[in-house]
């Protein structure tokens, strides 16, 4: 979750790239905290 969309997109791509070796089900990024509902891990920048 971040208010700066360009930074948000870059951080999401970094997390997606790093998760290639994990069995991560879903990585999402948004300016709205509602996307964090039912999340096990949340990264707030």
N, C-alpha and C. Protein backbone atom coordinates (compact mmCIF):
# COMPACT_ATOMS: atom_id res chain seq x y z
N UNK A 1 0.86 -1.17 0.00
CA UNK A 1 0.00 0.00 0.00
C UNK A 1 0.90 1.22 0.00
N UNK A 2 0.66 2.13 -0.95
CA UNK A 2 1.46 3.35 -1.05
C UNK A 2 0.64 4.38 -1.80
N UNK A 3 0.88 5.64 -1.51
CA UNK A 3 0.16 6.70 -2.20
C UNK A 3 0.85 7.11 -3.50
N UNK A 4 2.12 6.76 -3.67
CA UNK A 4 2.86 7.10 -4.88
C UNK A 4 2.78 5.92 -5.85
N UNK A 5 1.99 6.08 -6.92
CA UNK A 5 1.70 4.96 -7.80
C UNK A 5 2.93 4.42 -8.53
N UNK A 6 3.85 5.27 -8.97
CA UNK A 6 5.04 4.79 -9.67
C UNK A 6 5.91 3.92 -8.75
N UNK A 7 6.11 4.39 -7.54
CA UNK A 7 6.89 3.64 -6.55
C UNK A 7 6.17 2.34 -6.21
N UNK A 8 4.87 2.41 -6.08
CA UNK A 8 4.04 1.25 -5.77
C UNK A 8 4.20 0.17 -6.82
N UNK A 9 4.15 0.56 -8.09
CA UNK A 9 4.28 -0.41 -9.18
C UNK A 9 5.66 -1.06 -9.16
N UNK A 10 6.70 -0.26 -8.95
CA UNK A 10 8.06 -0.80 -8.90
C UNK A 10 8.26 -1.77 -7.76
N UNK A 11 7.75 -1.43 -6.60
CA UNK A 11 7.87 -2.33 -5.45
C UNK A 11 7.09 -3.62 -5.66
N UNK A 12 5.94 -3.53 -6.30
CA UNK A 12 5.16 -4.73 -6.58
C UNK A 12 5.93 -5.64 -7.54
N UNK A 13 6.54 -5.06 -8.56
CA UNK A 13 7.31 -5.86 -9.52
C UNK A 13 8.51 -6.51 -8.83
N UNK A 14 9.17 -5.80 -7.90
CA UNK A 14 10.28 -6.39 -7.15
C UNK A 14 9.81 -7.59 -6.33
N UNK A 15 8.69 -7.44 -5.65
CA UNK A 15 8.16 -8.54 -4.84
C UNK A 15 7.75 -9.72 -5.72
N UNK A 16 7.15 -9.44 -6.88
CA UNK A 16 6.75 -10.51 -7.78
C UNK A 16 7.98 -11.24 -8.32
N UNK A 17 9.02 -10.50 -8.66
CA UNK A 17 10.25 -11.12 -9.16
C UNK A 17 10.88 -12.00 -8.09
N UNK A 18 10.92 -11.50 -6.87
CA UNK A 18 11.51 -12.25 -5.78
C UNK A 18 10.69 -13.46 -5.36
N UNK A 19 9.43 -13.47 -5.69
CA UNK A 19 8.56 -14.57 -5.27
C UNK A 19 8.53 -15.72 -6.28
N UNK A 20 9.32 -15.62 -7.34
CA UNK A 20 9.33 -16.69 -8.34
C UNK A 20 9.72 -18.04 -7.75
N UNK A 21 10.53 -18.01 -6.71
CA UNK A 21 11.01 -19.25 -6.10
C UNK A 21 10.16 -19.67 -4.91
N UNK A 22 9.14 -18.90 -4.61
CA UNK A 22 8.22 -19.22 -3.53
C UNK A 22 6.89 -19.63 -4.12
N UNK A 23 6.03 -20.17 -3.32
CA UNK A 23 4.69 -20.53 -3.78
C UNK A 23 3.71 -19.46 -3.32
N UNK A 24 4.01 -18.22 -3.70
CA UNK A 24 3.17 -17.09 -3.32
C UNK A 24 1.94 -17.08 -4.21
N UNK A 25 0.79 -17.02 -3.60
CA UNK A 25 -0.44 -17.10 -4.37
C UNK A 25 -0.79 -15.79 -5.07
N UNK A 26 -0.57 -14.68 -4.39
CA UNK A 26 -1.06 -13.43 -4.95
C UNK A 26 -0.31 -12.25 -4.36
N UNK A 27 0.22 -11.40 -5.23
CA UNK A 27 0.83 -10.15 -4.80
C UNK A 27 0.08 -9.03 -5.50
N UNK A 28 -0.49 -8.13 -4.72
CA UNK A 28 -1.24 -7.01 -5.27
C UNK A 28 -0.71 -5.71 -4.68
N UNK A 29 -0.93 -4.64 -5.41
CA UNK A 29 -0.52 -3.32 -4.93
C UNK A 29 -1.63 -2.34 -5.26
N UNK A 30 -1.90 -1.44 -4.33
CA UNK A 30 -2.97 -0.47 -4.54
C UNK A 30 -2.81 0.67 -3.56
N UNK A 31 -3.49 1.76 -3.84
CA UNK A 31 -3.50 2.90 -2.94
C UNK A 31 -4.57 2.74 -1.86
N UNK A 32 -5.46 1.78 -2.02
CA UNK A 32 -6.58 1.58 -1.12
C UNK A 32 -6.27 0.45 -0.14
N UNK A 33 -6.39 0.73 1.14
CA UNK A 33 -6.11 -0.27 2.17
C UNK A 33 -7.09 -1.44 2.13
N UNK A 34 -8.18 -1.32 1.42
CA UNK A 34 -9.16 -2.41 1.34
C UNK A 34 -8.57 -3.67 0.72
N UNK A 35 -7.54 -3.54 -0.12
CA UNK A 35 -6.94 -4.72 -0.73
C UNK A 35 -6.21 -5.59 0.29
N UNK A 36 -5.99 -5.07 1.49
CA UNK A 36 -5.28 -5.84 2.51
C UNK A 36 -6.20 -6.76 3.32
N UNK A 37 -7.48 -6.68 3.07
CA UNK A 37 -8.43 -7.52 3.81
C UNK A 37 -8.09 -9.00 3.61
N UNK A 38 -8.07 -9.74 4.69
CA UNK A 38 -7.80 -11.18 4.70
C UNK A 38 -6.37 -11.53 4.29
N UNK A 39 -5.46 -10.58 4.32
CA UNK A 39 -4.06 -10.84 3.98
C UNK A 39 -3.33 -11.44 5.17
N UNK A 40 -2.38 -12.31 4.88
CA UNK A 40 -1.52 -12.85 5.93
C UNK A 40 -0.32 -11.95 6.15
N UNK A 41 0.17 -11.31 5.08
CA UNK A 41 1.30 -10.39 5.17
C UNK A 41 0.96 -9.14 4.39
N UNK A 42 1.28 -7.97 4.96
CA UNK A 42 1.03 -6.69 4.30
C UNK A 42 2.30 -5.86 4.40
N UNK A 43 2.74 -5.29 3.26
CA UNK A 43 3.89 -4.40 3.24
C UNK A 43 3.37 -2.99 3.03
N UNK A 44 3.60 -2.13 4.01
CA UNK A 44 3.16 -0.74 3.93
C UNK A 44 4.39 0.13 3.83
N UNK A 45 4.45 0.96 2.78
CA UNK A 45 5.62 1.84 2.60
C UNK A 45 5.21 3.28 2.68
